[in-house]
Amino acid sequence: HERQTGAVDRRKRGKTMKGNFISVALIVIGAIALAVNLEWIEFDLVDLLRKWWPLALIAVGAALFFTPDGGGRKNSGS
């Protein structure tokens, strides 16, 4: 039973990490949008995307690399 409990714990941690990432991302995006609306910063989204679009590929690759593999399904051979 301990093996199954460990797999469940890993899945819960994975969901918590994803939830935390989404929460932080929404806070950052909202703070940037508010700063632009209040004219605290200038922000040209098109120019930014033209220069930094490869960073999105790097972020997705890193997220896939560090995402848990679903509770160790790869390692259970028998």
PDB file of N, CA and C in Angstrom:
ATOM      1  N   HIS A   1       0.820  -1.206   0.000  1.00  0.00           N
ATOM      2  CA  HIS A   1       0.000   0.000   0.000  1.00  0.00           C
ATOM      3  C   HIS A   1       0.861   1.266   0.000  1.00  0.00           C
ATOM      4  N   GLU A   2       2.079   1.171   0.535  1.00  0.00           N
ATOM      5  CA  GLU A   2       2.931   2.351   0.601  1.00  0.00           C
ATOM      6  C   GLU A   2       3.314   2.828  -0.794  1.00  0.00           C
ATOM      7  N   ARG A   3       3.509   1.897  -1.721  1.00  0.00           N
ATOM      8  CA  ARG A   3       3.866   2.285  -3.086  1.00  0.00           C
ATOM      9  C   ARG A   3       2.766   3.122  -3.718  1.00  0.00           C
ATOM     10  N   GLN A   4       1.530   2.703  -3.545  1.00  0.00           N
ATOM     11  CA  GLN A   4       0.420   3.448  -4.132  1.00  0.00           C
ATOM     12  C   GLN A   4       0.271   4.808  -3.469  1.00  0.00           C
ATOM     13  N   THR A   5       0.471   4.879  -2.184  1.00  0.00           N
ATOM     14  CA  THR A   5       0.368   6.147  -1.469  1.00  0.00           C
ATOM     15  C   THR A   5       1.434   7.111  -1.965  1.00  0.00           C
ATOM     16  N   GLY A   6       2.656   6.632  -2.194  1.00  0.00           N
ATOM     17  CA  GLY A   6       3.729   7.480  -2.709  1.00  0.00           C
ATOM     18  C   GLY A   6       3.389   8.036  -4.081  1.00  0.00           C
ATOM     19  N   ALA A   7       2.783   7.212  -4.938  1.00  0.00           N
ATOM     20  CA  ALA A   7       2.392   7.678  -6.271  1.00  0.00           C
ATOM     21  C   ALA A   7       1.317   8.747  -6.175  1.00  0.00           C
ATOM     22  N   VAL A   8       0.378   8.580  -5.266  1.00  0.00           N
ATOM     23  CA  VAL A   8      -0.683   9.573  -5.081  1.00  0.00           C
ATOM     24  C   VAL A   8      -0.085  10.878  -4.576  1.00  0.00           C
ATOM     25  N   ASP A   9       0.863  10.792  -3.633  1.00  0.00           N
ATOM     26  CA  ASP A   9       1.513  11.993  -3.104  1.00  0.00           C
ATOM     27  C   ASP A   9       2.240  12.743  -4.209  1.00  0.00           C
ATOM     28  N   ARG A  10       2.940  12.035  -5.098  1.00  0.00           N
ATOM     29  CA  ARG A  10       3.648  12.688  -6.207  1.00  0.00           C
ATOM     30  C   ARG A  10       2.667  13.373  -7.136  1.00  0.00           C
ATOM     31  N   ARG A  11       1.534  12.747  -7.404  1.00  0.00           N
ATOM     32  CA  ARG A  11       0.534  13.379  -8.284  1.00  0.00           C
ATOM     33  C   ARG A  11      -0.027  14.636  -7.634  1.00  0.00           C
ATOM     34  N   LYS A  12      -0.284  14.585  -6.324  1.00  0.00           N
ATOM     35  CA  LYS A  12      -0.795  15.775  -5.629  1.00  0.00           C
ATOM     36  C   LYS A  12       0.214  16.902  -5.690  1.00  0.00           C
ATOM     37  N   ARG A  13       1.502  16.591  -5.485  1.00  0.00           N
ATOM     38  CA  ARG A  13       2.541  17.623  -5.554  1.00  0.00           C
ATOM     39  C   ARG A  13       2.595  18.216  -6.951  1.00  0.00           C
ATOM     40  N   GLY A  14       2.479  17.398  -7.986  1.00  0.00           N
ATOM     41  CA  GLY A  14       2.503  17.891  -9.359  1.00  0.00           C
ATOM     42  C   GLY A  14       1.357  18.843  -9.631  1.00  0.00           C
ATOM     43  N   LYS A  15       0.168  18.509  -9.151  1.00  0.00           N
ATOM     44  CA  LYS A  15      -0.987  19.385  -9.336  1.00  0.00           C
ATOM     45  C   LYS A  15      -0.812  20.682  -8.557  1.00  0.00           C
ATOM     46  N   THR A  16      -0.248  20.604  -7.369  1.00  0.00           N
ATOM     47  CA  THR A  16      -0.026  21.799  -6.562  1.00  0.00           C
ATOM     48  C   THR A  16       0.978  22.711  -7.244  1.00  0.00           C
ATOM     49  N   MET A  17       2.049  22.154  -7.795  1.00  0.00           N
ATOM     50  CA  MET A  17       3.049  22.965  -8.474  1.00  0.00           C
ATOM     51  C   MET A  17       2.446  23.660  -9.685  1.00  0.00           C
ATOM     52  N   LYS A  18       1.630  22.943 -10.456  1.00  0.00           N
ATOM     53  CA  LYS A  18       0.990  23.549 -11.624  1.00  0.00           C
ATOM     54  C   LYS A  18       0.031  24.648 -11.185  1.00  0.00           C
ATOM     55  N   GLY A  19      -0.720  24.409 -10.123  1.00  0.00           N
ATOM     56  CA  GLY A  19      -1.636  25.415  -9.611  1.00  0.00           C
ATOM     57  C   GLY A  19      -0.908  26.652  -9.128  1.00  0.00           C
ATOM     58  N   ASN A  20       0.225  26.457  -8.474  1.00  0.00           N
ATOM     59  CA  ASN A  20       1.016  27.590  -8.014  1.00  0.00           C
ATOM     60  C   ASN A  20       1.572  28.372  -9.192  1.00  0.00           C
ATOM     61  N   PHE A  21       2.036  27.688 -10.218  1.00  0.00           N
ATOM     62  CA  PHE A  21       2.587  28.366 -11.382  1.00  0.00           C
ATOM     63  C   PHE A  21       1.521  29.215 -12.062  1.00  0.00           C
ATOM     64  N   ILE A  22       0.347  28.660 -12.237  1.00  0.00           N
ATOM     65  CA  ILE A  22      -0.742  29.399 -12.880  1.00  0.00           C
ATOM     66  C   ILE A  22      -1.127  30.611 -12.041  1.00  0.00           C
ATOM     67  N   SER A  23      -1.184  30.433 -10.727  1.00  0.00           N
ATOM     68  CA  SER A  23      -1.519  31.554  -9.844  1.00  0.00           C
ATOM     69  C   SER A  23      -0.500  32.680  -9.953  1.00  0.00           C
ATOM     70  N   VAL A  24       0.766  32.336  -9.903  1.00  0.00           N
ATOM     71  CA  VAL A  24       1.821  33.346  -9.995  1.00  0.00           C
ATOM     72  C   VAL A  24       1.801  34.008 -11.368  1.00  0.00           C
ATOM     73  N   ALA A  25       1.602  33.221 -12.423  1.00  0.00           N
ATOM     74  CA  ALA A  25       1.555  33.785 -13.777  1.00  0.00           C
ATOM     75  C   ALA A  25       0.412  34.788 -13.910  1.00  0.00           C
ATOM     76  N   LEU A  26      -0.755  34.467 -13.377  1.00  0.00           N
ATOM     77  CA  LEU A  26      -1.890  35.389 -13.442  1.00  0.00           C
ATOM     78  C   LEU A  26      -1.618  36.673 -12.662  1.00  0.00           C
ATOM     79  N   ILE A  27      -0.972  36.558 -11.511  1.00  0.00           N
ATOM     80  CA  ILE A  27      -0.642  37.741 -10.718  1.00  0.00           C
ATOM     81  C   ILE A  27       0.329  38.636 -11.485  1.00  0.00           C
ATOM     82  N   VAL A  28       1.348  38.040 -12.080  1.00  0.00           N
ATOM     83  CA  VAL A  28       2.345  38.819 -12.828  1.00  0.00           C
ATOM     84  C   VAL A  28       1.707  39.488 -14.037  1.00  0.00           C
ATOM     85  N   ILE A  29       0.913  38.741 -14.793  1.00  0.00           N
ATOM     86  CA  ILE A  29       0.254  39.313 -15.979  1.00  0.00           C
ATOM     87  C   ILE A  29      -0.689  40.444 -15.567  1.00  0.00           C
ATOM     88  N   GLY A  30      -1.436  40.249 -14.505  1.00  0.00           N
ATOM     89  CA  GLY A  30      -2.334  41.296 -14.024  1.00  0.00           C
ATOM     90  C   GLY A  30      -1.584  42.535 -13.562  1.00  0.00           C
ATOM     91  N   ALA A  31      -0.467  42.348 -12.878  1.00  0.00           N
ATOM     92  CA  ALA A  31       0.330  43.489 -12.410  1.00  0.00           C
ATOM     93  C   ALA A  31       0.907  44.265 -13.588  1.00  0.00           C
ATOM     94  N   ILE A  32       1.367  43.558 -14.608  1.00  0.00           N
ATOM     95  CA  ILE A  32       1.898  44.231 -15.804  1.00  0.00           C
ATOM     96  C   ILE A  32       0.786  44.990 -16.519  1.00  0.00           C
ATOM     97  N   ALA A  33      -0.376  44.363 -16.664  1.00  0.00           N
ATOM     98  CA  ALA A  33      -1.498  45.027 -17.336  1.00  0.00           C
ATOM     99  C   ALA A  33      -1.919  46.287 -16.569  1.00  0.00           C
ATOM    100  N   LEU A  34      -1.961  46.214 -15.252  1.00  0.00           N
ATOM    101  CA  LEU A  34      -2.315  47.377 -14.442  1.00  0.00           C
ATOM    102  C   LEU A  34      -1.283  48.495 -14.601  1.00  0.00           C
ATOM    103  N   ALA A  35       0.000  48.131 -14.585  1.00  0.00           N
ATOM    104  CA  ALA A  35       1.059  49.126 -14.748  1.00  0.00           C
ATOM    105  C   ALA A  35       0.979  49.813 -16.111  1.00  0.00           C
ATOM    106  N   VAL A  36       0.630  49.058 -17.157  1.00  0.00           N
ATOM    107  CA  VAL A  36       0.471  49.651 -18.496  1.00  0.00           C
ATOM    108  C   VAL A  36      -0.735  50.582 -18.507  1.00  0.00           C
ATOM    109  N   ASN A  37      -1.846  50.155 -17.929  1.00  0.00           N
ATOM    110  CA  ASN A  37      -3.056  50.987 -17.898  1.00  0.00           C
ATOM    111  C   ASN A  37      -2.848  52.272 -17.112  1.00  0.00           C
ATOM    112  N   LEU A  38      -2.049  52.217 -16.068  1.00  0.00           N
ATOM    113  CA  LEU A  38      -1.769  53.404 -15.265  1.00  0.00           C
ATOM    114  C   LEU A  38      -0.611  54.231 -15.844  1.00  0.00           C
ATOM    115  N   GLU A  39      -0.109  53.787 -16.974  1.00  0.00           N
ATOM    116  CA  GLU A  39       0.995  54.441 -17.689  1.00  0.00           C
ATOM    117  C   GLU A  39       2.260  54.545 -16.840  1.00  0.00           C
ATOM    118  N   TRP A  40       2.494  53.540 -16.004  1.00  0.00           N
ATOM    119  CA  TRP A  40       3.735  53.481 -15.244  1.00  0.00           C
ATOM    120  C   TRP A  40       4.857  52.938 -16.121  1.00  0.00           C
ATOM    121  N   ILE A  41       4.491  52.043 -17.060  1.00  0.00           N
ATOM    122  CA  ILE A  41       5.472  51.497 -17.991  1.00  0.00           C
ATOM    123  C   ILE A  41       4.880  51.521 -19.391  1.00  0.00           C
ATOM    124  N   GLU A  42       5.765  51.592 -20.399  1.00  0.00           N
ATOM    125  CA  GLU A  42       5.319  51.451 -21.784  1.00  0.00           C
ATOM    126  C   GLU A  42       5.548  50.009 -22.181  1.00  0.00           C
ATOM    127  N   PHE A  43       4.601  49.461 -22.907  1.00  0.00           N
ATOM    128  CA  PHE A  43       4.668  48.044 -23.230  1.00  0.00           C
ATOM    129  C   PHE A  43       4.134  47.836 -24.635  1.00  0.00           C
ATOM    130  N   ASP A  44       5.016  47.453 -25.573  1.00  0.00           N
ATOM    131  CA  ASP A  44       4.608  47.163 -26.938  1.00  0.00           C
ATOM    132  C   ASP A  44       4.640  45.654 -27.129  1.00  0.00           C
ATOM    133  N   LEU A  45       3.471  45.038 -27.061  1.00  0.00           N
ATOM    134  CA  LEU A  45       3.375  43.587 -27.104  1.00  0.00           C
ATOM    135  C   LEU A  45       3.899  43.011 -28.414  1.00  0.00           C
ATOM    136  N   VAL A  46       3.597  43.648 -29.537  1.00  0.00           N
ATOM    137  CA  VAL A  46       4.026  43.129 -30.841  1.00  0.00           C
ATOM    138  C   VAL A  46       5.553  43.114 -30.924  1.00  0.00           C
ATOM    139  N   ASP A  47       6.178  44.199 -30.520  1.00  0.00           N
ATOM    140  CA  ASP A  47       7.636  44.261 -30.555  1.00  0.00           C
ATOM    141  C   ASP A  47       8.250  43.229 -29.613  1.00  0.00           C
ATOM    142  N   LEU A  48       7.658  43.097 -28.452  1.00  0.00           N
ATOM    143  CA  LEU A  48       8.138  42.122 -27.476  1.00  0.00           C
ATOM    144  C   LEU A  48       8.052  40.699 -28.035  1.00  0.00           C
ATOM    145  N   LEU A  49       6.925  40.364 -28.648  1.00  0.00           N
ATOM    146  CA  LEU A  49       6.753  39.022 -29.208  1.00  0.00           C
ATOM    147  C   LEU A  49       7.712  38.761 -30.365  1.00  0.00           C
ATOM    148  N   ARG A  50       7.972  39.780 -31.183  1.00  0.00           N
ATOM    149  CA  ARG A  50       8.916  39.611 -32.289  1.00  0.00           C
ATOM    150  C   ARG A  50      10.300  39.234 -31.794  1.00  0.00           C
ATOM    151  N   LYS A  51      10.717  39.815 -30.700  1.00  0.00           N
ATOM    152  CA  LYS A  51      12.058  39.567 -30.181  1.00  0.00           C
ATOM    153  C   LYS A  51      12.149  38.311 -29.318  1.00  0.00           C
ATOM    154  N   TRP A  52      11.152  38.081 -28.487  1.00  0.00           N
ATOM    155  CA  TRP A  52      11.274  37.082 -27.433  1.00  0.00           C
ATOM    156  C   TRP A  52      10.459  35.811 -27.648  1.00  0.00           C
ATOM    157  N   TRP A  53       9.887  35.576 -28.842  1.00  0.00           N
ATOM    158  CA  TRP A  53       9.073  34.379 -29.032  1.00  0.00           C
ATOM    159  C   TRP A  53       9.841  33.080 -28.787  1.00  0.00           C
ATOM    160  N   PRO A  54      11.146  32.996 -29.060  1.00  0.00           N
ATOM    161  CA  PRO A  54      11.837  31.727 -28.760  1.00  0.00           C
ATOM    162  C   PRO A  54      11.837  31.373 -27.277  1.00  0.00           C
ATOM    163  N   LEU A  55      11.710  32.382 -26.419  1.00  0.00           N
ATOM    164  CA  LEU A  55      11.657  32.108 -24.985  1.00  0.00           C
ATOM    165  C   LEU A  55      10.444  31.244 -24.629  1.00  0.00           C
ATOM    166  N   ALA A  56       9.354  31.383 -25.363  1.00  0.00           N
ATOM    167  CA  ALA A  56       8.170  30.552 -25.123  1.00  0.00           C
ATOM    168  C   ALA A  56       8.487  29.081 -25.400  1.00  0.00           C
ATOM    169  N   LEU A  57       9.252  28.819 -26.455  1.00  0.00           N
ATOM    170  CA  LEU A  57       9.649  27.439 -26.757  1.00  0.00           C
ATOM    171  C   LEU A  57      10.535  26.872 -25.652  1.00  0.00           C
ATOM    172  N   ILE A  58      11.453  27.690 -25.154  1.00  0.00           N
ATOM    173  CA  ILE A  58      12.335  27.255 -24.070  1.00  0.00           C
ATOM    174  C   ILE A  58      11.517  26.965 -22.812  1.00  0.00           C
ATOM    175  N   ALA A  59      10.563  27.820 -22.495  1.00  0.00           N
ATOM    176  CA  ALA A  59       9.733  27.635 -21.301  1.00  0.00           C
ATOM    177  C   ALA A  59       8.892  26.366 -21.395  1.00  0.00           C
ATOM    178  N   VAL A  60       8.307  26.117 -22.558  1.00  0.00           N
ATOM    179  CA  VAL A  60       7.501  24.901 -22.734  1.00  0.00           C
ATOM    180  C   VAL A  60       8.379  23.669 -22.611  1.00  0.00           C
ATOM    181  N   GLY A  61       9.548  23.699 -23.235  1.00  0.00           N
ATOM    182  CA  GLY A  61      10.472  22.568 -23.131  1.00  0.00           C
ATOM    183  C   GLY A  61      10.907  22.310 -21.702  1.00  0.00           C
ATOM    184  N   ALA A  62      11.229  23.365 -20.971  1.00  0.00           N
ATOM    185  CA  ALA A  62      11.638  23.213 -19.573  1.00  0.00           C
ATOM    186  C   ALA A  62      10.482  22.679 -18.725  1.00  0.00           C
ATOM    187  N   ALA A  63       9.271  23.176 -18.979  1.00  0.00           N
ATOM    188  CA  ALA A  63       8.102  22.700 -18.227  1.00  0.00           C
ATOM    189  C   ALA A  63       7.866  21.217 -18.484  1.00  0.00           C
ATOM    190  N   LEU A  64       7.994  20.786 -19.732  1.00  0.00           N
ATOM    191  CA  LEU A  64       7.822  19.366 -20.049  1.00  0.00           C
ATOM    192  C   LEU A  64       8.914  18.518 -19.405  1.00  0.00           C
ATOM    193  N   PHE A  65      10.125  19.050 -19.381  1.00  0.00           N
ATOM    194  CA  PHE A  65      11.245  18.312 -18.800  1.00  0.00           C
ATOM    195  C   PHE A  65      11.070  18.119 -17.301  1.00  0.00           C
ATOM    196  N   PHE A  66      10.601  19.146 -16.600  1.00  0.00           N
ATOM    197  CA  PHE A  66      10.494  19.085 -15.146  1.00  0.00           C
ATOM    198  C   PHE A  66       9.133  18.613 -14.644  1.00  0.00           C
ATOM    199  N   THR A  67       8.182  18.346 -15.538  1.00  0.00           N
ATOM    200  CA  THR A  67       6.874  17.857 -15.128  1.00  0.00           C
ATOM    201  C   THR A  67       6.992  16.397 -14.690  1.00  0.00           C
ATOM    202  N   PRO A  68       6.393  16.050 -13.552  1.00  0.00           N
ATOM    203  CA  PRO A  68       6.429  14.649 -13.113  1.00  0.00           C
ATOM    204  C   PRO A  68       5.827  13.737 -14.181  1.00  0.00           C
ATOM    205  N   ASP A  69       6.313  12.495 -14.224  1.00  0.00           N
ATOM    206  CA  ASP A  69       5.919  11.565 -15.287  1.00  0.00           C
ATOM    207  C   ASP A  69       4.626  10.825 -15.010  1.00  0.00           C
ATOM    208  N   GLY A  70       3.775  11.312 -14.173  1.00  0.00           N
ATOM    209  CA  GLY A  70       2.477  10.679 -13.938  1.00  0.00           C
ATOM    210  C   GLY A  70       2.513   9.611 -12.875  1.00  0.00           C
ATOM    211  N   GLY A  71       3.338   9.761 -11.872  1.00  0.00           N
ATOM    212  CA  GLY A  71       3.315   8.811 -10.760  1.00  0.00           C
ATOM    213  C   GLY A  71       4.194   7.606 -10.963  1.00  0.00           C
ATOM    214  N   GLY A  72       5.180   7.685 -11.814  1.00  0.00           N
ATOM    215  CA  GLY A  72       6.137   6.586 -11.958  1.00  0.00           C
ATOM    216  C   GLY A  72       5.675   5.462 -12.837  1.00  0.00           C
ATOM    217  N   ARG A  73       4.791   5.722 -13.780  1.00  0.00           N
ATOM    218  CA  ARG A  73       4.300   4.668 -14.665  1.00  0.00           C
ATOM    219  C   ARG A  73       5.407   4.110 -15.541  1.00  0.00           C
ATOM    220  N   LYS A  74       6.405   4.918 -15.893  1.00  0.00           N
ATOM    221  CA  LYS A  74       7.502   4.458 -16.731  1.00  0.00           C
ATOM    222  C   LYS A  74       8.348   3.388 -16.034  1.00  0.00           C
ATOM    223  N   ASN A  75       8.538   3.537 -14.743  1.00  0.00           N
ATOM    224  CA  ASN A  75       9.447   2.675 -14.006  1.00  0.00           C
ATOM    225  C   ASN A  75       8.819   1.351 -13.578  1.00  0.00           C
ATOM    226  N   SER A  76       7.514   1.208 -13.626  1.00  0.00           N
ATOM    227  CA  SER A  76       6.867  -0.026 -13.163  1.00  0.00           C
ATOM    228  C   SER A  76       6.825  -1.029 -14.310  1.00  0.00           C
ATOM    229  N   GLY A  77       7.854  -1.868 -14.390  1.00  0.00           N
ATOM    230  CA  GLY A  77       7.965  -2.832 -15.484  1.00  0.00           C
ATOM    231  C   GLY A  77       7.207  -4.129 -15.219  1.00  0.00           C
ATOM    232  N   SER A  78       6.990  -4.497 -13.966  1.00  0.00           N
ATOM    233  CA  SER A  78       6.344  -5.797 -13.723  1.00  0.00           C
ATOM    234  C   SER A  78       4.985  -5.683 -13.132  1.00  0.00           C
TER     235      SER A  78
END
